[in-house]
Amino acid sequence: MNYDPLHDLDPEAWLALDESTRIDSVERYHRRRKIRLPNATLHATIHVVVENQVALGDQFPAKAVLERLMSEGLDRHEAIHAIGSVLSRRMFNALKGKGSAADLNAQYVEELGQLTAESWRKSAP
């Protein structure tokens, strides 16, 4: 698969791939574009988790958030990064033992609801 975060994925085809193939696809995309990353595999893994959530469609809010962020002016790749930034913060808190799993998921969904293109742009380095 030739992953391109600027284009919608076929959810069934994406979810039919095994996780390592998805990660490899995302890493290859960034290498082809000569995008330097401190940790390419971690970056790709965050992309994959977000894409997996988007592929769930209406079962999870990520797809609606992605579409909203794009309507606010982010391209699809930027919107994946914006959602990934919220995911990364939640994962960091989970690793630090802050809150129960249910709380972390609820907080993640709540933060996704509050995420805007403007708030992400202000927080991006």
PDB file of N, CA and C in Angstrom:
ATOM      1  N   MET A   1       0.844  -1.184   0.000  1.00  0.00           N
ATOM      2  CA  MET A   1       0.000   0.000   0.000  1.00  0.00           C
ATOM      3  C   MET A   1       0.879   1.234   0.000  1.00  0.00           C
ATOM      4  N   ASN A   2       0.504   2.208  -0.815  1.00  0.00           N
ATOM      5  CA  ASN A   2       1.174   3.500  -0.820  1.00  0.00           C
ATOM      6  C   ASN A   2       0.348   4.468   0.019  1.00  0.00           C
ATOM      7  N   TYR A   3       0.753   4.623   1.257  1.00  0.00           N
ATOM      8  CA  TYR A   3       0.058   5.515   2.180  1.00  0.00           C
ATOM      9  C   TYR A   3       0.306   6.956   1.792  1.00  0.00           C
ATOM     10  N   ASP A   4      -0.733   7.757   1.835  1.00  0.00           N
ATOM     11  CA  ASP A   4      -0.615   9.198   1.635  1.00  0.00           C
ATOM     12  C   ASP A   4      -1.605   9.872   2.579  1.00  0.00           C
ATOM     13  N   PRO A   5      -1.116  10.546   3.622  1.00  0.00           N
ATOM     14  CA  PRO A   5      -2.016  11.139   4.608  1.00  0.00           C
ATOM     15  C   PRO A   5      -2.859  12.289   4.062  1.00  0.00           C
ATOM     16  N   LEU A   6      -2.562  12.740   2.858  1.00  0.00           N
ATOM     17  CA  LEU A   6      -3.356  13.814   2.269  1.00  0.00           C
ATOM     18  C   LEU A   6      -4.625  13.293   1.606  1.00  0.00           C
ATOM     19  N   HIS A   7      -4.739  11.962   1.487  1.00  0.00           N
ATOM     20  CA  HIS A   7      -5.897  11.358   0.836  1.00  0.00           C
ATOM     21  C   HIS A   7      -6.592  10.377   1.775  1.00  0.00           C
ATOM     22  N   ASP A   8      -7.915  10.360   1.682  1.00  0.00           N
ATOM     23  CA  ASP A   8      -8.700   9.416   2.481  1.00  0.00           C
ATOM     24  C   ASP A   8      -8.301   7.990   2.141  1.00  0.00           C
ATOM     25  N   LEU A   9      -8.336   7.144   3.145  1.00  0.00           N
ATOM     26  CA  LEU A   9      -8.045   5.729   2.969  1.00  0.00           C
ATOM     27  C   LEU A   9      -9.337   4.949   2.790  1.00  0.00           C
ATOM     28  N   ASP A  10      -9.238   3.831   2.121  1.00  0.00           N
ATOM     29  CA  ASP A  10     -10.354   2.891   2.090  1.00  0.00           C
ATOM     30  C   ASP A  10     -10.321   2.171   3.432  1.00  0.00           C
ATOM     31  N   PRO A  11     -11.307   2.414   4.297  1.00  0.00           N
ATOM     32  CA  PRO A  11     -11.261   1.850   5.656  1.00  0.00           C
ATOM     33  C   PRO A  11     -11.129   0.326   5.672  1.00  0.00           C
ATOM     34  N   GLU A  12     -11.846  -0.358   4.817  1.00  0.00           N
ATOM     35  CA  GLU A  12     -11.775  -1.822   4.809  1.00  0.00           C
ATOM     36  C   GLU A  12     -10.400  -2.312   4.394  1.00  0.00           C
ATOM     37  N   ALA A  13      -9.845  -1.702   3.353  1.00  0.00           N
ATOM     38  CA  ALA A  13      -8.514  -2.110   2.885  1.00  0.00           C
ATOM     39  C   ALA A  13      -7.455  -1.810   3.945  1.00  0.00           C
ATOM     40  N   TRP A  14      -7.575  -0.641   4.580  1.00  0.00           N
ATOM     41  CA  TRP A  14      -6.624  -0.240   5.627  1.00  0.00           C
ATOM     42  C   TRP A  14      -6.665  -1.216   6.799  1.00  0.00           C
ATOM     43  N   LEU A  15      -7.868  -1.477   7.285  1.00  0.00           N
ATOM     44  CA  LEU A  15      -8.008  -2.341   8.451  1.00  0.00           C
ATOM     45  C   LEU A  15      -7.692  -3.801   8.136  1.00  0.00           C
ATOM     46  N   ALA A  16      -7.698  -4.172   6.850  1.00  0.00           N
ATOM     47  CA  ALA A  16      -7.341  -5.540   6.455  1.00  0.00           C
ATOM     48  C   ALA A  16      -5.833  -5.767   6.538  1.00  0.00           C
ATOM     49  N   LEU A  17      -5.049  -4.695   6.529  1.00  0.00           N
ATOM     50  CA  LEU A  17      -3.590  -4.817   6.628  1.00  0.00           C
ATOM     51  C   LEU A  17      -3.201  -5.120   8.063  1.00  0.00           C
ATOM     52  N   ASP A  18      -2.108  -5.855   8.225  1.00  0.00           N
ATOM     53  CA  ASP A  18      -1.642  -6.049   9.598  1.00  0.00           C
ATOM     54  C   ASP A  18      -0.936  -4.771  10.058  1.00  0.00           C
ATOM     55  N   GLU A  19      -0.835  -4.639  11.349  1.00  0.00           N
ATOM     56  CA  GLU A  19      -0.328  -3.400  11.966  1.00  0.00           C
ATOM     57  C   GLU A  19       1.078  -3.039  11.476  1.00  0.00           C
ATOM     58  N   SER A  20       1.951  -4.017  11.351  1.00  0.00           N
ATOM     59  CA  SER A  20       3.322  -3.715  10.926  1.00  0.00           C
ATOM     60  C   SER A  20       3.354  -3.211   9.485  1.00  0.00           C
ATOM     61  N   THR A  21       2.477  -3.698   8.643  1.00  0.00           N
ATOM     62  CA  THR A  21       2.400  -3.214   7.261  1.00  0.00           C
ATOM     63  C   THR A  21       1.914  -1.769   7.239  1.00  0.00           C
ATOM     64  N   ARG A  22       0.962  -1.451   8.089  1.00  0.00           N
ATOM     65  CA  ARG A  22       0.474  -0.071   8.174  1.00  0.00           C
ATOM     66  C   ARG A  22       1.607   0.867   8.603  1.00  0.00           C
ATOM     67  N   ILE A  23       2.323   0.465   9.640  1.00  0.00           N
ATOM     68  CA  ILE A  23       3.434   1.297  10.140  1.00  0.00           C
ATOM     69  C   ILE A  23       4.498   1.458   9.066  1.00  0.00           C
ATOM     70  N   ASP A  24       4.862   0.368   8.397  1.00  0.00           N
ATOM     71  CA  ASP A  24       5.858   0.436   7.316  1.00  0.00           C
ATOM     72  C   ASP A  24       5.404   1.383   6.203  1.00  0.00           C
ATOM     73  N   SER A  25       4.122   1.345   5.871  1.00  0.00           N
ATOM     74  CA  SER A  25       3.587   2.215   4.819  1.00  0.00           C
ATOM     75  C   SER A  25       3.734   3.686   5.183  1.00  0.00           C
ATOM     76  N   VAL A  26       3.449   4.000   6.435  1.00  0.00           N
ATOM     77  CA  VAL A  26       3.555   5.385   6.892  1.00  0.00           C
ATOM     78  C   VAL A  26       5.026   5.815   6.935  1.00  0.00           C
ATOM     79  N   GLU A  27       5.892   4.941   7.409  1.00  0.00           N
ATOM     80  CA  GLU A  27       7.328   5.273   7.428  1.00  0.00           C
ATOM     81  C   GLU A  27       7.850   5.516   6.010  1.00  0.00           C
ATOM     82  N   ARG A  28       7.443   4.677   5.060  1.00  0.00           N
ATOM     83  CA  ARG A  28       7.881   4.854   3.663  1.00  0.00           C
ATOM     84  C   ARG A  28       7.402   6.195   3.113  1.00  0.00           C
ATOM     85  N   TYR A  29       6.169   6.579   3.429  1.00  0.00           N
ATOM     86  CA  TYR A  29       5.662   7.879   2.973  1.00  0.00           C
ATOM     87  C   TYR A  29       6.596   8.999   3.428  1.00  0.00           C
ATOM     88  N   HIS A  30       6.937   9.012   4.706  1.00  0.00           N
ATOM     89  CA  HIS A  30       7.773  10.081   5.238  1.00  0.00           C
ATOM     90  C   HIS A  30       9.190  10.038   4.660  1.00  0.00           C
ATOM     91  N   ARG A  31       9.723   8.840   4.438  1.00  0.00           N
ATOM     92  CA  ARG A  31      11.048   8.736   3.801  1.00  0.00           C
ATOM     93  C   ARG A  31      11.008   9.268   2.374  1.00  0.00           C
ATOM     94  N   ARG A  32       9.974   8.892   1.605  1.00  0.00           N
ATOM     95  CA  ARG A  32       9.856   9.371   0.210  1.00  0.00           C
ATOM     96  C   ARG A  32       9.805  10.893   0.159  1.00  0.00           C
ATOM     97  N   ARG A  33       9.162  11.496   1.148  1.00  0.00           N
ATOM     98  CA  ARG A  33       9.026  12.951   1.188  1.00  0.00           C
ATOM     99  C   ARG A  33      10.231  13.620   1.866  1.00  0.00           C
ATOM    100  N   LYS A  34      11.193  12.791   2.296  1.00  0.00           N
ATOM    101  CA  LYS A  34      12.401  13.292   2.972  1.00  0.00           C
ATOM    102  C   LYS A  34      12.053  14.130   4.210  1.00  0.00           C
ATOM    103  N   ILE A  35      11.040  13.662   4.942  1.00  0.00           N
ATOM    104  CA  ILE A  35      10.632  14.312   6.182  1.00  0.00           C
ATOM    105  C   ILE A  35      11.454  13.704   7.313  1.00  0.00           C
ATOM    106  N   ARG A  36      12.267  14.532   7.928  1.00  0.00           N
ATOM    107  CA  ARG A  36      13.123  14.066   9.022  1.00  0.00           C
ATOM    108  C   ARG A  36      12.313  14.033  10.309  1.00  0.00           C
ATOM    109  N   LEU A  37      12.454  12.924  11.028  1.00  0.00           N
ATOM    110  CA  LEU A  37      11.720  12.748  12.279  1.00  0.00           C
ATOM    111  C   LEU A  37      12.669  12.215  13.345  1.00  0.00           C
ATOM    112  N   PRO A  38      12.519  12.660  14.591  1.00  0.00           N
ATOM    113  CA  PRO A  38      13.386  12.148  15.653  1.00  0.00           C
ATOM    114  C   PRO A  38      13.196  10.647  15.871  1.00  0.00           C
ATOM    115  N   ASN A  39      11.977  10.158  15.703  1.00  0.00           N
ATOM    116  CA  ASN A  39      11.696   8.731  15.868  1.00  0.00           C
ATOM    117  C   ASN A  39      10.629   8.358  14.843  1.00  0.00           C
ATOM    118  N   ALA A  40      11.080   7.918  13.674  1.00  0.00           N
ATOM    119  CA  ALA A  40      10.172   7.643  12.549  1.00  0.00           C
ATOM    120  C   ALA A  40       9.146   6.563  12.886  1.00  0.00           C
ATOM    121  N   THR A  41       9.551   5.547  13.628  1.00  0.00           N
ATOM    122  CA  THR A  41       8.624   4.461  13.942  1.00  0.00           C
ATOM    123  C   THR A  41       7.546   4.926  14.916  1.00  0.00           C
ATOM    124  N   LEU A  42       7.913   5.679  15.920  1.00  0.00           N
ATOM    125  CA  LEU A  42       6.922   6.210  16.849  1.00  0.00           C
ATOM    126  C   LEU A  42       5.959   7.149  16.126  1.00  0.00           C
ATOM    127  N   HIS A  43       6.498   8.014  15.284  1.00  0.00           N
ATOM    128  CA  HIS A  43       5.670   8.938  14.511  1.00  0.00           C
ATOM    129  C   HIS A  43       4.684   8.154  13.638  1.00  0.00           C
ATOM    130  N   ALA A  44       5.182   7.145  12.957  1.00  0.00           N
ATOM    131  CA  ALA A  44       4.328   6.324  12.094  1.00  0.00           C
ATOM    132  C   ALA A  44       3.268   5.589  12.904  1.00  0.00           C
ATOM    133  N   THR A  45       3.638   5.129  14.067  1.00  0.00           N
ATOM    134  CA  THR A  45       2.689   4.406  14.917  1.00  0.00           C
ATOM    135  C   THR A  45       1.538   5.318  15.347  1.00  0.00           C
ATOM    136  N   ILE A  46       1.839   6.558  15.677  1.00  0.00           N
ATOM    137  CA  ILE A  46       0.777   7.506  16.037  1.00  0.00           C
ATOM    138  C   ILE A  46      -0.134   7.737  14.829  1.00  0.00           C
ATOM    139  N   HIS A  47       0.462   7.916  13.656  1.00  0.00           N
ATOM    140  CA  HIS A  47      -0.338   8.041  12.427  1.00  0.00           C
ATOM    141  C   HIS A  47      -1.286   6.851  12.300  1.00  0.00           C
ATOM    142  N   VAL A  48      -0.751   5.660  12.489  1.00  0.00           N
ATOM    143  CA  VAL A  48      -1.538   4.430  12.311  1.00  0.00           C
ATOM    144  C   VAL A  48      -2.690   4.368  13.309  1.00  0.00           C
ATOM    145  N   VAL A  49      -2.429   4.697  14.553  1.00  0.00           N
ATOM    146  CA  VAL A  49      -3.501   4.659  15.554  1.00  0.00           C
ATOM    147  C   VAL A  49      -4.611   5.635  15.154  1.00  0.00           C
ATOM    148  N   VAL A  50      -4.231   6.833  14.744  1.00  0.00           N
ATOM    149  CA  VAL A  50      -5.243   7.816  14.337  1.00  0.00           C
ATOM    150  C   VAL A  50      -5.994   7.325  13.098  1.00  0.00           C
ATOM    151  N   GLU A  51      -5.260   6.816  12.104  1.00  0.00           N
ATOM    152  CA  GLU A  51      -5.917   6.304  10.894  1.00  0.00           C
ATOM    153  C   GLU A  51      -6.851   5.140  11.233  1.00  0.00           C
ATOM    154  N   ASN A  52      -6.439   4.292  12.175  1.00  0.00           N
ATOM    155  CA  ASN A  52      -7.310   3.193  12.607  1.00  0.00           C
ATOM    156  C   ASN A  52      -8.606   3.741  13.199  1.00  0.00           C
ATOM    157  N   GLN A  53      -8.483   4.771  14.012  1.00  0.00           N
ATOM    158  CA  GLN A  53      -9.664   5.378  14.624  1.00  0.00           C
ATOM    159  C   GLN A  53     -10.554   6.031  13.565  1.00  0.00           C
ATOM    160  N   VAL A  54      -9.942   6.695  12.601  1.00  0.00           N
ATOM    161  CA  VAL A  54     -10.702   7.316  11.518  1.00  0.00           C
ATOM    162  C   VAL A  54     -11.424   6.232  10.711  1.00  0.00           C
ATOM    163  N   ALA A  55     -10.756   5.117  10.482  1.00  0.00           N
ATOM    164  CA  ALA A  55     -11.338   4.024   9.706  1.00  0.00           C
ATOM    165  C   ALA A  55     -12.557   3.410  10.391  1.00  0.00           C
ATOM    166  N   LEU A  56     -12.690   3.617  11.689  1.00  0.00           N
ATOM    167  CA  LEU A  56     -13.862   3.117  12.401  1.00  0.00           C
ATOM    168  C   LEU A  56     -15.131   3.900  12.052  1.00  0.00           C
ATOM    169  N   GLY A  57     -14.961   5.007  11.355  1.00  0.00           N
ATOM    170  CA  GLY A  57     -16.116   5.796  10.927  1.00  0.00           C
ATOM    171  C   GLY A  57     -16.888   6.349  12.107  1.00  0.00           C
ATOM    172  N   ASP A  58     -18.181   6.141  12.088  1.00  0.00           N
ATOM    173  CA  ASP A  58     -19.053   6.705  13.115  1.00  0.00           C
ATOM    174  C   ASP A  58     -18.953   5.994  14.461  1.00  0.00           C
ATOM    175  N   GLN A  59     -18.194   4.919  14.535  1.00  0.00           N
ATOM    176  CA  GLN A  59     -18.034   4.197  15.804  1.00  0.00           C
ATOM    177  C   GLN A  59     -17.146   4.949  16.791  1.00  0.00           C
ATOM    178  N   PHE A  60     -16.360   5.924  16.280  1.00  0.00           N
ATOM    179  CA  PHE A  60     -15.440   6.675  17.128  1.00  0.00           C
ATOM    180  C   PHE A  60     -15.364   8.090  16.571  1.00  0.00           C
ATOM    181  N   PRO A  61     -15.195   9.105  17.408  1.00  0.00           N
ATOM    182  CA  PRO A  61     -15.272  10.493  16.926  1.00  0.00           C
ATOM    183  C   PRO A  61     -14.111  10.969  16.046  1.00  0.00           C
ATOM    184  N   ALA A  62     -13.058  10.194  15.879  1.00  0.00           N
ATOM    185  CA  ALA A  62     -11.879  10.682  15.149  1.00  0.00           C
ATOM    186  C   ALA A  62     -12.196  11.119  13.718  1.00  0.00           C
ATOM    187  N   LYS A  63     -13.039  10.383  13.023  1.00  0.00           N
ATOM    188  CA  LYS A  63     -13.361  10.746  11.638  1.00  0.00           C
ATOM    189  C   LYS A  63     -14.064  12.101  11.588  1.00  0.00           C
ATOM    190  N   ALA A  64     -15.030  12.312  12.465  1.00  0.00           N
ATOM    191  CA  ALA A  64     -15.746  13.593  12.499  1.00  0.00           C
ATOM    192  C   ALA A  64     -14.795  14.733  12.873  1.00  0.00           C
ATOM    193  N   VAL A  65     -13.886  14.469  13.804  1.00  0.00           N
ATOM    194  CA  VAL A  65     -12.916  15.495  14.211  1.00  0.00           C
ATOM    195  C   VAL A  65     -11.983  15.805  13.047  1.00  0.00           C
ATOM    196  N   LEU A  66     -11.513  14.786  12.350  1.00  0.00           N
ATOM    197  CA  LEU A  66     -10.652  14.980  11.182  1.00  0.00           C
ATOM    198  C   LEU A  66     -11.358  15.866  10.154  1.00  0.00           C
ATOM    199  N   GLU A  67     -12.591  15.547   9.846  1.00  0.00           N
ATOM    200  CA  GLU A  67     -13.349  16.324   8.864  1.00  0.00           C
ATOM    201  C   GLU A  67     -13.559  17.763   9.332  1.00  0.00           C
ATOM    202  N   ARG A  68     -13.833  17.931  10.620  1.00  0.00           N
ATOM    203  CA  ARG A  68     -14.025  19.281  11.157  1.00  0.00           C
ATOM    204  C   ARG A  68     -12.741  20.094  11.064  1.00  0.00           C
ATOM    205  N   LEU A  69     -11.618  19.488  11.437  1.00  0.00           N
ATOM    206  CA  LEU A  69     -10.334  20.187  11.372  1.00  0.00           C
ATOM    207  C   LEU A  69     -10.001  20.585   9.936  1.00  0.00           C
ATOM    208  N   MET A  70     -10.322  19.707   8.998  1.00  0.00           N
ATOM    209  CA  MET A  70     -10.079  20.033   7.593  1.00  0.00           C
ATOM    210  C   MET A  70     -10.987  21.175   7.143  1.00  0.00           C
ATOM    211  N   SER A  71     -12.218  21.212   7.630  1.00  0.00           N
ATOM    212  CA  SER A  71     -13.121  22.316   7.270  1.00  0.00           C
ATOM    213  C   SER A  71     -12.644  23.635   7.887  1.00  0.00           C
ATOM    214  N   GLU A  72     -11.827  23.532   8.948  1.00  0.00           N
ATOM    215  CA  GLU A  72     -11.260  24.720   9.599  1.00  0.00           C
ATOM    216  C   GLU A  72      -9.945  25.151   8.953  1.00  0.00           C
ATOM    217  N   GLY A  73      -9.503  24.427   7.921  1.00  0.00           N
ATOM    218  CA  GLY A  73      -8.340  24.871   7.163  1.00  0.00           C
ATOM    219  C   GLY A  73      -7.105  23.999   7.224  1.00  0.00           C
ATOM    220  N   LEU A  74      -7.113  22.949   8.031  1.00  0.00           N
ATOM    221  CA  LEU A  74      -5.949  22.060   8.046  1.00  0.00           C
ATOM    222  C   LEU A  74      -6.045  21.110   6.865  1.00  0.00           C
ATOM    223  N   ASP A  75      -4.885  20.748   6.302  1.00  0.00           N
ATOM    224  CA  ASP A  75      -4.942  19.670   5.316  1.00  0.00           C
ATOM    225  C   ASP A  75      -5.055  18.355   6.093  1.00  0.00           C
ATOM    226  N   ARG A  76      -5.294  17.268   5.398  1.00  0.00           N
ATOM    227  CA  ARG A  76      -5.557  16.005   6.077  1.00  0.00           C
ATOM    228  C   ARG A  76      -4.360  15.552   6.921  1.00  0.00           C
ATOM    229  N   HIS A  77      -3.142  15.759   6.411  1.00  0.00           N
ATOM    230  CA  HIS A  77      -1.944  15.353   7.148  1.00  0.00           C
ATOM    231  C   HIS A  77      -1.816  16.161   8.440  1.00  0.00           C
ATOM    232  N   GLU A  78      -2.043  17.453   8.356  1.00  0.00           N
ATOM    233  CA  GLU A  78      -1.995  18.290   9.557  1.00  0.00           C
ATOM    234  C   GLU A  78      -3.066  17.858  10.562  1.00  0.00           C
ATOM    235  N   ALA A  79      -4.250  17.525  10.063  1.00  0.00           N
ATOM    236  CA  ALA A  79      -5.337  17.100  10.949  1.00  0.00           C
ATOM    237  C   ALA A  79      -4.990  15.785  11.643  1.00  0.00           C
ATOM    238  N   ILE A  80      -4.328  14.872  10.924  1.00  0.00           N
ATOM    239  CA  ILE A  80      -3.859  13.619  11.542  1.00  0.00           C
ATOM    240  C   ILE A  80      -2.879  13.959  12.662  1.00  0.00           C
ATOM    241  N   HIS A  81      -1.981  14.895  12.417  1.00  0.00           N
ATOM    242  CA  HIS A  81      -1.014  15.303  13.442  1.00  0.00           C
ATOM    243  C   HIS A  81      -1.713  15.956  14.632  1.00  0.00           C
ATOM    244  N   ALA A  82      -2.708  16.777  14.366  1.00  0.00           N
ATOM    245  CA  ALA A  82      -3.432  17.439  15.465  1.00  0.00           C
ATOM    246  C   ALA A  82      -4.096  16.400  16.365  1.00  0.00           C
ATOM    247  N   ILE A  83      -4.787  15.443  15.756  1.00  0.00           N
ATOM    248  CA  ILE A  83      -5.416  14.379  16.548  1.00  0.00           C
ATOM    249  C   ILE A  83      -4.337  13.560  17.250  1.00  0.00           C
ATOM    250  N   GLY A  84      -3.251  13.279  16.551  1.00  0.00           N
ATOM    251  CA  GLY A  84      -2.143  12.522  17.134  1.00  0.00           C
ATOM    252  C   GLY A  84      -1.518  13.228  18.325  1.00  0.00           C
ATOM    253  N   SER A  85      -1.533  14.552  18.317  1.00  0.00           N
ATOM    254  CA  SER A  85      -0.966  15.288  19.460  1.00  0.00           C
ATOM    255  C   SER A  85      -1.819  15.076  20.708  1.00  0.00           C
ATOM    256  N   VAL A  86      -3.130  15.025  20.531  1.00  0.00           N
ATOM    257  CA  VAL A  86      -4.023  14.756  21.664  1.00  0.00           C
ATOM    258  C   VAL A  86      -3.813  13.319  22.134  1.00  0.00           C
ATOM    259  N   LEU A  87      -3.745  12.394  21.196  1.00  0.00           N
ATOM    260  CA  LEU A  87      -3.509  10.987  21.527  1.00  0.00           C
ATOM    261  C   LEU A  87      -2.202  10.820  22.298  1.00  0.00           C
ATOM    262  N   SER A  88      -1.161  11.464  21.849  1.00  0.00           N
ATOM    263  CA  SER A  88       0.151  11.357  22.498  1.00  0.00           C
ATOM    264  C   SER A  88       0.114  11.852  23.940  1.00  0.00           C
ATOM    265  N   ARG A  89      -0.575  12.958  24.167  1.00  0.00           N
ATOM    266  CA  ARG A  89      -0.704  13.465  25.544  1.00  0.00           C
ATOM    267  C   ARG A  89      -1.440  12.470  26.431  1.00  0.00           C
ATOM    268  N   ARG A  90      -2.498  11.885  25.907  1.00  0.00           N
ATOM    269  CA  ARG A  90      -3.266  10.899  26.679  1.00  0.00           C
ATOM    270  C   ARG A  90      -2.408   9.675  26.965  1.00  0.00           C
ATOM    271  N   MET A  91      -1.640   9.234  25.981  1.00  0.00           N
ATOM    272  CA  MET A  91      -0.765   8.070  26.182  1.00  0.00           C
ATOM    273  C   MET A  91       0.300   8.379  27.232  1.00  0.00           C
ATOM    274  N   PHE A  92       0.860   9.574  27.178  1.00  0.00           N
ATOM    275  CA  PHE A  92       1.865   9.976  28.154  1.00  0.00           C
ATOM    276  C   PHE A  92       1.285   9.930  29.560  1.00  0.00           C
ATOM    277  N   ASN A  93       0.070  10.448  29.718  1.00  0.00           N
ATOM    278  CA  ASN A  93      -0.577  10.411  31.029  1.00  0.00           C
ATOM    279  C   ASN A  93      -0.850   8.979  31.473  1.00  0.00           C
ATOM    280  N   ALA A  94      -1.234   8.127  30.548  1.00  0.00           N
ATOM    281  CA  ALA A  94      -1.476   6.715  30.884  1.00  0.00           C
ATOM    282  C   ALA A  94      -0.186   6.068  31.375  1.00  0.00           C
ATOM    283  N   LEU A  95       0.918   6.371  30.711  1.00  0.00           N
ATOM    284  CA  LEU A  95       2.201   5.794  31.114  1.00  0.00           C
ATOM    285  C   LEU A  95       2.650   6.298  32.484  1.00  0.00           C
ATOM    286  N   LYS A  96       2.223   7.495  32.835  1.00  0.00           N
ATOM    287  CA  LYS A  96       2.548   8.052  34.145  1.00  0.00           C
ATOM    288  C   LYS A  96       1.578   7.567  35.215  1.00  0.00           C
ATOM    289  N   GLY A  97       0.569   6.764  34.814  1.00  0.00           N
ATOM    290  CA  GLY A  97      -0.386   6.226  35.776  1.00  0.00           C
ATOM    291  C   GLY A  97      -1.443   7.210  36.222  1.00  0.00           C
ATOM    292  N   LYS A  98      -1.693   8.235  35.426  1.00  0.00           N
ATOM    293  CA  LYS A  98      -2.701   9.243  35.782  1.00  0.00           C
ATOM    294  C   LYS A  98      -4.069   8.794  35.279  1.00  0.00           C
ATOM    295  N   GLY A  99      -4.960   8.468  36.187  1.00  0.00           N
ATOM    296  CA  GLY A  99      -6.333   8.119  35.834  1.00  0.00           C
ATOM    297  C   GLY A  99      -6.494   6.672  35.422  1.00  0.00           C
ATOM    298  N   SER A 100      -7.741   6.227  35.465  1.00  0.00           N
ATOM    299  CA  SER A 100      -8.058   4.872  35.035  1.00  0.00           C
ATOM    300  C   SER A 100      -8.153   4.843  33.511  1.00  0.00           C
ATOM    301  N   ALA A 101      -8.177   3.652  32.939  1.00  0.00           N
ATOM    302  CA  ALA A 101      -8.295   3.502  31.494  1.00  0.00           C
ATOM    303  C   ALA A 101      -9.574   4.172  30.988  1.00  0.00           C
ATOM    304  N   ALA A 102     -10.673   3.997  31.710  1.00  0.00           N
ATOM    305  CA  ALA A 102     -11.944   4.609  31.307  1.00  0.00           C
ATOM    306  C   ALA A 102     -11.836   6.131  31.333  1.00  0.00           C
ATOM    307  N   ASP A 103     -11.185   6.665  32.376  1.00  0.00           N
ATOM    308  CA  ASP A 103     -11.013   8.111  32.473  1.00  0.00           C
ATOM    309  C   ASP A 103     -10.162   8.636  31.315  1.00  0.00           C
ATOM    310  N   LEU A 104      -9.093   7.919  30.994  1.00  0.00           N
ATOM    311  CA  LEU A 104      -8.195   8.359  29.929  1.00  0.00           C
ATOM    312  C   LEU A 104      -8.913   8.391  28.594  1.00  0.00           C
ATOM    313  N   ASN A 105      -9.728   7.373  28.326  1.00  0.00           N
ATOM    314  CA  ASN A 105     -10.471   7.349  27.073  1.00  0.00           C
ATOM    315  C   ASN A 105     -11.496   8.480  27.037  1.00  0.00           C
ATOM    316  N   ALA A 106     -12.197   8.695  28.138  1.00  0.00           N
ATOM    317  CA  ALA A 106     -13.184   9.769  28.197  1.00  0.00           C
ATOM    318  C   ALA A 106     -12.503  11.125  28.019  1.00  0.00           C
ATOM    319  N   GLN A 107     -11.347  11.298  28.648  1.00  0.00           N
ATOM    320  CA  GLN A 107     -10.600  12.551  28.512  1.00  0.00           C
ATOM    321  C   GLN A 107     -10.141  12.746  27.065  1.00  0.00           C
ATOM    322  N   TYR A 108      -9.700  11.670  26.433  1.00  0.00           N
ATOM    323  CA  TYR A 108      -9.258  11.734  25.039  1.00  0.00           C
ATOM    324  C   TYR A 108     -10.415  12.185  24.144  1.00  0.00           C
ATOM    325  N   VAL A 109     -11.562  11.562  24.293  1.00  0.00           N
ATOM    326  CA  VAL A 109     -12.730  11.920  23.487  1.00  0.00           C
ATOM    327  C   VAL A 109     -13.133  13.369  23.758  1.00  0.00           C
ATOM    328  N   GLU A 110     -13.088  13.779  25.023  1.00  0.00           N
ATOM    329  CA  GLU A 110     -13.423  15.156  25.371  1.00  0.00           C
ATOM    330  C   GLU A 110     -12.444  16.138  24.728  1.00  0.00           C
ATOM    331  N   GLU A 111     -11.156  15.835  24.806  1.00  0.00           N
ATOM    332  CA  GLU A 111     -10.153  16.724  24.204  1.00  0.00           C
ATOM    333  C   GLU A 111     -10.292  16.782  22.693  1.00  0.00           C
ATOM    334  N   LEU A 112     -10.642  15.659  22.067  1.00  0.00           N
ATOM    335  CA  LEU A 112     -10.874  15.680  20.623  1.00  0.00           C
ATOM    336  C   LEU A 112     -12.017  16.627  20.295  1.00  0.00           C
ATOM    337  N   GLY A 113     -13.048  16.635  21.126  1.00  0.00           N
ATOM    338  CA  GLY A 113     -14.177  17.529  20.910  1.00  0.00           C
ATOM    339  C   GLY A 113     -13.809  19.000  21.033  1.00  0.00           C
ATOM    340  N   GLN A 114     -12.794  19.292  21.834  1.00  0.00           N
ATOM    341  CA  GLN A 114     -12.365  20.671  22.049  1.00  0.00           C
ATOM    342  C   GLN A 114     -11.268  21.110  21.077  1.00  0.00           C
ATOM    343  N   LEU A 115     -10.661  20.156  20.380  1.00  0.00           N
ATOM    344  CA  LEU A 115      -9.561  20.453  19.467  1.00  0.00           C
ATOM    345  C   LEU A 115     -10.049  21.270  18.276  1.00  0.00           C
ATOM    346  N   THR A 116      -9.329  22.337  17.972  1.00  0.00           N
ATOM    347  CA  THR A 116      -9.628  23.143  16.786  1.00  0.00           C
ATOM    348  C   THR A 116      -8.335  23.336  15.996  1.00  0.00           C
ATOM    349  N   ALA A 117      -8.486  23.721  14.761  1.00  0.00           N
ATOM    350  CA  ALA A 117      -7.308  24.020  13.940  1.00  0.00           C
ATOM    351  C   ALA A 117      -6.497  25.135  14.597  1.00  0.00           C
ATOM    352  N   GLU A 118      -7.185  26.149  15.095  1.00  0.00           N
ATOM    353  CA  GLU A 118      -6.507  27.283  15.723  1.00  0.00           C
ATOM    354  C   GLU A 118      -5.750  26.855  16.983  1.00  0.00           C
ATOM    355  N   SER A 119      -6.386  26.056  17.837  1.00  0.00           N
ATOM    356  CA  SER A 119      -5.711  25.625  19.075  1.00  0.00           C
ATOM    357  C   SER A 119      -4.505  24.747  18.752  1.00  0.00           C
ATOM    358  N   TRP A 120      -4.633  23.920  17.719  1.00  0.00           N
ATOM    359  CA  TRP A 120      -3.488  23.077  17.355  1.00  0.00           C
ATOM    360  C   TRP A 120      -2.356  23.911  16.787  1.00  0.00           C
ATOM    361  N   ARG A 121      -2.677  24.860  15.948  1.00  0.00           N
ATOM    362  CA  ARG A 121      -1.624  25.712  15.364  1.00  0.00           C
ATOM    363  C   ARG A 121      -0.881  26.467  16.462  1.00  0.00           C
ATOM    364  N   LYS A 122      -1.613  26.932  17.469  1.00  0.00           N
ATOM    365  CA  LYS A 122      -0.976  27.671  18.572  1.00  0.00           C
ATOM    366  C   LYS A 122      -0.073  26.772  19.401  1.00  0.00           C
ATOM    367  N   SER A 123      -0.400  25.478  19.491  1.00  0.00           N
ATOM    368  CA  SER A 123       0.395  24.573  20.322  1.00  0.00           C
ATOM    369  C   SER A 123       1.540  23.906  19.557  1.00  0.00           C
ATOM    370  N   ALA A 124       1.487  23.928  18.239  1.00  0.00           N
ATOM    371  CA  ALA A 124       2.517  23.260  17.425  1.00  0.00           C
ATOM    372  C   ALA A 124       3.818  24.063  17.492  1.00  0.00           C
ATOM    373  N   PRO A 125       4.949  23.336  17.541  1.00  0.00           N
ATOM    374  CA  PRO A 125       6.237  24.041  17.616  1.00  0.00           C
ATOM    375  C   PRO A 125       6.563  24.807  16.344  1.00  0.00           C
TER     376      PRO A 125
END
